[in-house]
Amino acid sequence: MSRVFTTIRQVEFSETDMAGIAHFSNYFKWMEATEHLFLQQQQIPLIEVQNSKTYAWPRINVSCNYKAPLFLQDKVEIELVLESISKHKVTYSFKFYRLIPNSEKIHVATGEMTTVFASTPPLTRAPIPEAIQKKLNYPEMTSCNS
């Protein structure tokens, strides 16, 4: 079973510098947005309140390596791969591709994000519930155009 989820977005004006190049910080926002779309598709809440506790997915490690720039109005395909799941955390890898009409896509960046399941207050690591573990281990993976 595939553990790959993809989405396509367009680089917006507010995401670029004066040269029309996508600012590096947006890749981290796009990773989070892609993770959110993936979790929505799996019907896993990003934030949930139960019995006066809030459960969420804070990040414990995020990185991105850049290979080529993205520019204003470029279409970018973001590929999320579910790399690993443990009792408390999930690690995703991301690949970013510039889509060029009538051509091959260009790999422009690679990222990784590790999240931990936690409750608050106070912020405390928690075991990922069995129902969520099952959805993550056997996801219904497709694509989403945003």
N, C-alpha and C. Protein backbone atom coordinates (compact mmCIF):
# COMPACT_ATOMS: atom_id res chain seq x y z
N MET A 1 0.85 -1.18 0.00
CA MET A 1 0.00 0.00 0.00
C MET A 1 0.89 1.24 0.00
N SER A 2 0.55 2.17 -0.82
CA SER A 2 1.32 3.40 -0.93
C SER A 2 1.13 4.29 0.30
N ARG A 3 2.22 4.90 0.72
CA ARG A 3 2.16 5.85 1.83
C ARG A 3 2.60 7.22 1.33
N VAL A 4 2.16 7.56 0.10
CA VAL A 4 2.51 8.83 -0.54
C VAL A 4 1.24 9.64 -0.77
N PHE A 5 1.30 10.91 -0.43
CA PHE A 5 0.19 11.84 -0.63
C PHE A 5 0.76 13.04 -1.39
N THR A 6 0.08 13.50 -2.42
CA THR A 6 0.56 14.66 -3.17
C THR A 6 -0.51 15.74 -3.27
N THR A 7 -0.04 16.96 -3.36
CA THR A 7 -0.90 18.10 -3.57
C THR A 7 -0.17 19.07 -4.51
N ILE A 8 -0.94 19.91 -5.18
CA ILE A 8 -0.37 20.91 -6.08
C ILE A 8 -0.87 22.27 -5.65
N ARG A 9 0.03 23.24 -5.64
CA ARG A 9 -0.33 24.62 -5.30
C ARG A 9 0.43 25.55 -6.22
N GLN A 10 0.07 26.82 -6.18
CA GLN A 10 0.74 27.83 -6.97
C GLN A 10 1.44 28.81 -6.03
N VAL A 11 2.65 29.23 -6.39
CA VAL A 11 3.38 30.20 -5.59
C VAL A 11 2.69 31.56 -5.71
N GLU A 12 2.28 32.10 -4.57
CA GLU A 12 1.55 33.36 -4.51
C GLU A 12 2.51 34.55 -4.37
N PHE A 13 2.03 35.73 -4.74
CA PHE A 13 2.84 36.96 -4.64
C PHE A 13 3.38 37.17 -3.23
N SER A 14 2.52 36.97 -2.22
CA SER A 14 2.93 37.21 -0.83
C SER A 14 3.99 36.23 -0.35
N GLU A 15 4.25 35.18 -1.11
CA GLU A 15 5.24 34.16 -0.73
C GLU A 15 6.61 34.41 -1.39
N THR A 16 6.73 35.53 -2.12
CA THR A 16 7.96 35.80 -2.86
C THR A 16 8.66 37.05 -2.36
N ASP A 17 9.93 37.17 -2.75
CA ASP A 17 10.69 38.39 -2.47
C ASP A 17 10.58 39.33 -3.67
N MET A 18 11.32 40.42 -3.66
CA MET A 18 11.23 41.42 -4.72
C MET A 18 11.70 40.89 -6.09
N ALA A 19 12.45 39.79 -6.08
CA ALA A 19 12.89 39.18 -7.34
C ALA A 19 11.89 38.14 -7.84
N GLY A 20 10.80 37.96 -7.10
CA GLY A 20 9.80 36.97 -7.50
C GLY A 20 10.16 35.54 -7.15
N ILE A 21 11.13 35.37 -6.24
CA ILE A 21 11.57 34.03 -5.82
C ILE A 21 10.86 33.67 -4.52
N ALA A 22 10.34 32.45 -4.44
CA ALA A 22 9.67 32.00 -3.22
C ALA A 22 10.65 32.03 -2.04
N HIS A 23 10.22 32.65 -0.93
CA HIS A 23 11.05 32.75 0.27
C HIS A 23 11.17 31.37 0.90
N PHE A 24 12.37 31.07 1.41
CA PHE A 24 12.64 29.74 1.97
C PHE A 24 11.67 29.33 3.06
N SER A 25 11.19 30.28 3.85
CA SER A 25 10.32 29.94 4.98
C SER A 25 8.98 29.34 4.54
N ASN A 26 8.57 29.62 3.31
CA ASN A 26 7.30 29.09 2.84
C ASN A 26 7.31 27.57 2.68
N TYR A 27 8.46 26.99 2.45
CA TYR A 27 8.53 25.53 2.32
C TYR A 27 8.05 24.87 3.61
N PHE A 28 8.37 25.48 4.76
CA PHE A 28 7.92 24.94 6.04
C PHE A 28 6.40 25.08 6.18
N LYS A 29 5.86 26.20 5.74
CA LYS A 29 4.40 26.39 5.75
C LYS A 29 3.73 25.39 4.82
N TRP A 30 4.33 25.17 3.65
CA TRP A 30 3.75 24.22 2.69
C TRP A 30 3.81 22.79 3.21
N MET A 31 4.87 22.45 3.97
CA MET A 31 4.92 21.11 4.58
C MET A 31 3.78 20.95 5.56
N GLU A 32 3.55 21.97 6.41
CA GLU A 32 2.46 21.89 7.38
C GLU A 32 1.10 21.83 6.69
N ALA A 33 0.92 22.62 5.64
CA ALA A 33 -0.36 22.62 4.92
C ALA A 33 -0.60 21.26 4.27
N THR A 34 0.44 20.65 3.73
CA THR A 34 0.31 19.33 3.11
C THR A 34 0.00 18.27 4.15
N GLU A 35 0.68 18.35 5.30
CA GLU A 35 0.37 17.42 6.40
C GLU A 35 -1.09 17.58 6.82
N HIS A 36 -1.56 18.81 6.92
CA HIS A 36 -2.94 19.06 7.33
C HIS A 36 -3.92 18.44 6.33
N LEU A 37 -3.67 18.63 5.03
CA LEU A 37 -4.54 18.02 4.01
C LEU A 37 -4.54 16.49 4.12
N PHE A 38 -3.34 15.92 4.34
CA PHE A 38 -3.23 14.47 4.50
C PHE A 38 -4.04 13.99 5.71
N LEU A 39 -3.86 14.65 6.86
CA LEU A 39 -4.59 14.25 8.07
C LEU A 39 -6.09 14.42 7.91
N GLN A 40 -6.52 15.51 7.24
CA GLN A 40 -7.95 15.70 6.96
C GLN A 40 -8.49 14.54 6.15
N GLN A 41 -7.74 14.13 5.13
CA GLN A 41 -8.19 13.03 4.28
C GLN A 41 -8.33 11.73 5.09
N GLN A 42 -7.47 11.55 6.08
CA GLN A 42 -7.53 10.36 6.93
C GLN A 42 -8.53 10.51 8.07
N GLN A 43 -9.18 11.68 8.14
CA GLN A 43 -10.12 12.00 9.22
C GLN A 43 -9.45 11.94 10.59
N ILE A 44 -8.23 12.51 10.63
CA ILE A 44 -7.46 12.63 11.86
C ILE A 44 -7.39 14.12 12.19
N PRO A 45 -7.91 14.54 13.34
CA PRO A 45 -7.88 15.97 13.67
C PRO A 45 -6.47 16.45 13.99
N LEU A 46 -6.16 17.65 13.56
CA LEU A 46 -4.87 18.27 13.88
C LEU A 46 -4.85 18.70 15.35
N ILE A 47 -5.99 19.18 15.82
CA ILE A 47 -6.17 19.58 17.22
C ILE A 47 -7.52 19.04 17.67
N GLU A 48 -7.54 18.43 18.85
CA GLU A 48 -8.79 17.86 19.35
C GLU A 48 -8.87 18.06 20.86
N VAL A 49 -10.05 18.43 21.35
CA VAL A 49 -10.26 18.61 22.79
C VAL A 49 -11.11 17.44 23.29
N GLN A 50 -10.61 16.78 24.34
CA GLN A 50 -11.32 15.67 24.98
C GLN A 50 -11.09 15.76 26.48
N ASN A 51 -12.18 15.74 27.25
CA ASN A 51 -12.08 15.72 28.72
C ASN A 51 -11.15 16.81 29.24
N SER A 52 -11.35 18.02 28.80
CA SER A 52 -10.60 19.22 29.21
C SER A 52 -9.11 19.18 28.85
N LYS A 53 -8.71 18.26 28.01
CA LYS A 53 -7.33 18.22 27.51
C LYS A 53 -7.37 18.49 26.00
N THR A 54 -6.36 19.20 25.53
CA THR A 54 -6.21 19.45 24.10
C THR A 54 -5.10 18.56 23.58
N TYR A 55 -5.38 17.85 22.49
CA TYR A 55 -4.39 16.98 21.85
C TYR A 55 -4.00 17.59 20.51
N ALA A 56 -2.69 17.57 20.23
CA ALA A 56 -2.19 18.18 19.00
C ALA A 56 -0.87 17.51 18.61
N TRP A 57 -0.28 18.02 17.53
CA TRP A 57 0.93 17.45 16.93
C TRP A 57 2.06 18.48 16.86
N PRO A 58 2.68 18.87 17.97
CA PRO A 58 3.79 19.82 17.87
C PRO A 58 4.99 19.20 17.13
N ARG A 59 5.76 20.07 16.49
CA ARG A 59 6.92 19.64 15.73
C ARG A 59 8.12 19.51 16.66
N ILE A 60 8.92 18.46 16.46
CA ILE A 60 10.15 18.34 17.25
C ILE A 60 11.39 18.40 16.36
N ASN A 61 11.21 18.29 15.05
CA ASN A 61 12.33 18.43 14.13
C ASN A 61 11.80 18.75 12.74
N VAL A 62 12.38 19.77 12.11
CA VAL A 62 11.98 20.15 10.75
C VAL A 62 13.24 20.59 10.01
N SER A 63 13.37 20.14 8.76
CA SER A 63 14.51 20.57 7.95
C SER A 63 14.08 20.65 6.49
N CYS A 64 14.87 21.41 5.71
CA CYS A 64 14.60 21.52 4.28
C CYS A 64 15.92 21.81 3.57
N ASN A 65 16.16 21.08 2.49
CA ASN A 65 17.33 21.28 1.64
C ASN A 65 16.85 21.77 0.28
N TYR A 66 17.45 22.85 -0.17
CA TYR A 66 17.00 23.51 -1.40
C TYR A 66 17.94 23.18 -2.56
N LYS A 67 17.36 22.90 -3.73
CA LYS A 67 18.13 22.53 -4.92
C LYS A 67 18.00 23.57 -6.03
N ALA A 68 16.83 24.18 -6.13
CA ALA A 68 16.56 25.17 -7.18
C ALA A 68 15.42 26.06 -6.70
N PRO A 69 15.32 27.28 -7.21
CA PRO A 69 14.27 28.20 -6.74
C PRO A 69 12.91 27.91 -7.36
N LEU A 70 11.89 28.38 -6.66
CA LEU A 70 10.54 28.47 -7.21
C LEU A 70 10.25 29.95 -7.40
N PHE A 71 9.43 30.27 -8.40
CA PHE A 71 9.15 31.66 -8.73
C PHE A 71 7.65 31.94 -8.66
N LEU A 72 7.32 33.23 -8.62
CA LEU A 72 5.93 33.68 -8.60
C LEU A 72 5.13 32.95 -9.67
N GLN A 73 4.00 32.40 -9.27
CA GLN A 73 3.03 31.70 -10.10
C GLN A 73 3.48 30.33 -10.60
N ASP A 74 4.66 29.86 -10.14
CA ASP A 74 5.03 28.48 -10.46
C ASP A 74 4.02 27.54 -9.82
N LYS A 75 3.73 26.47 -10.51
CA LYS A 75 2.95 25.38 -9.92
C LYS A 75 3.95 24.45 -9.25
N VAL A 76 3.67 24.10 -8.01
CA VAL A 76 4.57 23.22 -7.27
C VAL A 76 3.79 22.01 -6.77
N GLU A 77 4.34 20.83 -7.06
CA GLU A 77 3.79 19.59 -6.54
C GLU A 77 4.55 19.25 -5.26
N ILE A 78 3.79 18.98 -4.20
CA ILE A 78 4.39 18.62 -2.92
C ILE A 78 4.01 17.18 -2.62
N GLU A 79 5.03 16.37 -2.44
CA GLU A 79 4.83 14.95 -2.18
C GLU A 79 5.18 14.66 -0.72
N LEU A 80 4.21 14.18 0.03
CA LEU A 80 4.41 13.78 1.42
C LEU A 80 4.56 12.27 1.44
N VAL A 81 5.61 11.79 2.11
CA VAL A 81 5.79 10.35 2.31
C VAL A 81 5.78 10.09 3.81
N LEU A 82 4.93 9.19 4.23
CA LEU A 82 4.86 8.80 5.64
C LEU A 82 6.02 7.83 5.89
N GLU A 83 7.08 8.34 6.52
CA GLU A 83 8.32 7.56 6.67
C GLU A 83 8.27 6.60 7.85
N SER A 84 7.80 7.07 9.00
CA SER A 84 7.78 6.19 10.17
C SER A 84 6.74 6.64 11.19
N ILE A 85 6.27 5.66 11.95
CA ILE A 85 5.30 5.90 13.02
C ILE A 85 5.79 5.11 14.24
N SER A 86 5.85 5.79 15.38
CA SER A 86 6.20 5.09 16.62
C SER A 86 5.07 5.33 17.62
N LYS A 87 5.29 4.94 18.86
CA LYS A 87 4.26 5.07 19.88
C LYS A 87 3.83 6.53 20.07
N HIS A 88 4.79 7.47 19.90
CA HIS A 88 4.53 8.88 20.20
C HIS A 88 4.72 9.83 19.02
N LYS A 89 5.39 9.40 17.95
CA LYS A 89 5.74 10.36 16.91
C LYS A 89 5.58 9.82 15.51
N VAL A 90 5.51 10.77 14.57
CA VAL A 90 5.37 10.47 13.15
C VAL A 90 6.42 11.30 12.40
N THR A 91 7.09 10.66 11.43
CA THR A 91 8.05 11.38 10.61
C THR A 91 7.59 11.32 9.16
N TYR A 92 7.57 12.50 8.53
CA TYR A 92 7.22 12.64 7.12
C TYR A 92 8.43 13.15 6.36
N SER A 93 8.56 12.74 5.10
CA SER A 93 9.50 13.41 4.21
C SER A 93 8.67 14.10 3.13
N PHE A 94 9.26 15.14 2.56
CA PHE A 94 8.58 15.93 1.53
C PHE A 94 9.51 16.14 0.35
N LYS A 95 8.95 16.08 -0.84
CA LYS A 95 9.69 16.48 -2.04
C LYS A 95 8.86 17.54 -2.74
N PHE A 96 9.54 18.57 -3.18
CA PHE A 96 8.91 19.69 -3.88
C PHE A 96 9.37 19.66 -5.34
N TYR A 97 8.41 19.76 -6.26
CA TYR A 97 8.71 19.74 -7.69
C TYR A 97 8.07 20.94 -8.38
N ARG A 98 8.85 21.66 -9.18
CA ARG A 98 8.28 22.70 -10.04
C ARG A 98 7.69 21.99 -11.25
N LEU A 99 6.41 22.27 -11.53
CA LEU A 99 5.73 21.68 -12.67
C LEU A 99 5.85 22.63 -13.86
N ILE A 100 6.40 22.14 -14.94
CA ILE A 100 6.57 22.94 -16.15
C ILE A 100 5.70 22.33 -17.23
N PRO A 101 4.78 23.12 -17.82
CA PRO A 101 3.89 22.58 -18.86
C PRO A 101 4.69 21.92 -19.99
N ASN A 102 4.22 20.77 -20.43
CA ASN A 102 4.82 20.02 -21.54
C ASN A 102 6.28 19.66 -21.30
N SER A 103 6.64 19.43 -20.03
CA SER A 103 8.01 19.10 -19.69
C SER A 103 8.02 18.22 -18.44
N GLU A 104 9.20 17.75 -18.08
CA GLU A 104 9.33 16.99 -16.84
C GLU A 104 9.31 17.93 -15.65
N LYS A 105 8.89 17.41 -14.52
CA LYS A 105 8.93 18.23 -13.31
C LYS A 105 10.36 18.31 -12.80
N ILE A 106 10.67 19.43 -12.11
CA ILE A 106 12.02 19.68 -11.60
C ILE A 106 12.00 19.60 -10.09
N HIS A 107 12.86 18.73 -9.53
CA HIS A 107 12.96 18.57 -8.08
C HIS A 107 13.67 19.80 -7.52
N VAL A 108 12.97 20.60 -6.68
CA VAL A 108 13.53 21.86 -6.19
C VAL A 108 13.90 21.84 -4.71
N ALA A 109 13.34 20.92 -3.94
CA ALA A 109 13.66 20.88 -2.50
C ALA A 109 13.22 19.55 -1.89
N THR A 110 13.84 19.22 -0.77
CA THR A 110 13.49 18.03 0.00
C THR A 110 13.40 18.45 1.47
N GLY A 111 12.33 18.03 2.14
CA GLY A 111 12.17 18.38 3.54
C GLY A 111 11.84 17.17 4.39
N GLU A 112 11.91 17.36 5.69
CA GLU A 112 11.53 16.32 6.64
C GLU A 112 10.91 16.99 7.86
N MET A 113 9.92 16.34 8.44
CA MET A 113 9.26 16.87 9.62
C MET A 113 8.89 15.71 10.55
N THR A 114 9.25 15.85 11.81
CA THR A 114 8.85 14.88 12.83
C THR A 114 7.94 15.59 13.82
N THR A 115 6.79 14.97 14.07
CA THR A 115 5.81 15.51 15.00
C THR A 115 5.60 14.51 16.13
N VAL A 116 5.25 15.03 17.27
CA VAL A 116 4.97 14.17 18.41
C VAL A 116 3.51 14.40 18.81
N PHE A 117 2.84 13.36 19.21
CA PHE A 117 1.47 13.50 19.70
C PHE A 117 1.57 13.96 21.14
N ALA A 118 0.82 15.02 21.48
CA ALA A 118 0.96 15.60 22.82
C ALA A 118 -0.38 16.10 23.34
N SER A 119 -0.45 16.21 24.67
CA SER A 119 -1.64 16.79 25.30
C SER A 119 -1.20 18.03 26.08
N THR A 120 -2.18 18.88 26.35
CA THR A 120 -1.93 20.10 27.10
C THR A 120 -3.21 20.46 27.85
N PRO A 121 -3.22 21.14 28.98
CA PRO A 121 -2.06 21.57 29.74
C PRO A 121 -1.60 20.49 30.70
N PRO A 122 -0.37 20.48 31.16
CA PRO A 122 0.78 21.09 30.52
C PRO A 122 1.16 20.28 29.29
N LEU A 123 1.98 20.83 28.42
CA LEU A 123 2.39 20.14 27.20
C LEU A 123 3.17 18.89 27.57
N THR A 124 2.59 17.72 27.22
CA THR A 124 3.16 16.43 27.59
C THR A 124 3.02 15.46 26.43
N ARG A 125 4.09 14.75 26.12
CA ARG A 125 4.02 13.71 25.10
C ARG A 125 2.99 12.67 25.51
N ALA A 126 2.21 12.17 24.52
CA ALA A 126 1.16 11.19 24.80
C ALA A 126 1.24 10.08 23.76
N PRO A 127 0.77 8.89 24.10
CA PRO A 127 0.75 7.83 23.09
C PRO A 127 -0.28 8.16 22.00
N ILE A 128 0.08 7.87 20.77
CA ILE A 128 -0.86 8.07 19.66
C ILE A 128 -1.98 7.04 19.85
N PRO A 129 -3.25 7.49 19.90
CA PRO A 129 -4.36 6.54 20.09
C PRO A 129 -4.36 5.44 19.01
N GLU A 130 -4.82 4.29 19.42
CA GLU A 130 -4.84 3.12 18.53
C GLU A 130 -5.59 3.40 17.23
N ALA A 131 -6.73 4.10 17.30
CA ALA A 131 -7.51 4.39 16.09
C ALA A 131 -6.72 5.25 15.11
N ILE A 132 -5.94 6.21 15.64
CA ILE A 132 -5.10 7.05 14.77
C ILE A 132 -3.93 6.25 14.24
N GLN A 133 -3.32 5.42 15.08
CA GLN A 133 -2.22 4.54 14.63
C GLN A 133 -2.68 3.70 13.44
N LYS A 134 -3.88 3.15 13.55
CA LYS A 134 -4.40 2.30 12.47
C LYS A 134 -4.56 3.11 11.18
N LYS A 135 -5.12 4.32 11.29
CA LYS A 135 -5.31 5.15 10.09
C LYS A 135 -3.98 5.54 9.47
N LEU A 136 -2.96 5.77 10.30
CA LEU A 136 -1.65 6.13 9.78
C LEU A 136 -0.92 4.93 9.19
N ASN A 137 -1.09 3.76 9.78
CA ASN A 137 -0.43 2.56 9.27
C ASN A 137 -1.07 2.03 7.99
N TYR A 138 -2.35 2.31 7.78
CA TYR A 138 -3.06 1.84 6.59
C TYR A 138 -3.84 2.99 5.98
N PRO A 139 -3.13 4.03 5.53
CA PRO A 139 -3.84 5.23 5.04
C PRO A 139 -4.49 5.02 3.69
N GLU A 140 -5.55 5.79 3.47
CA GLU A 140 -6.20 5.90 2.17
C GLU A 140 -5.50 7.04 1.46
N MET A 141 -4.49 6.76 0.66
CA MET A 141 -3.66 7.80 0.07
C MET A 141 -4.16 8.18 -1.32
N THR A 142 -4.29 9.46 -1.55
CA THR A 142 -4.64 9.96 -2.87
C THR A 142 -3.93 11.29 -3.06
N SER A 143 -4.41 12.05 -4.01
CA SER A 143 -3.86 13.37 -4.28
C SER A 143 -4.90 14.42 -3.99
N CYS A 144 -4.45 15.64 -3.80
CA CYS A 144 -5.34 16.75 -3.53
C CYS A 144 -4.78 17.99 -4.19
N ASN A 145 -5.57 18.65 -5.01
CA ASN A 145 -5.15 19.92 -5.62
C ASN A 145 -5.75 21.05 -4.81
N SER A 146 -4.88 21.92 -4.27
CA SER A 146 -5.38 23.03 -3.45
C SER A 146 -5.31 24.32 -4.24
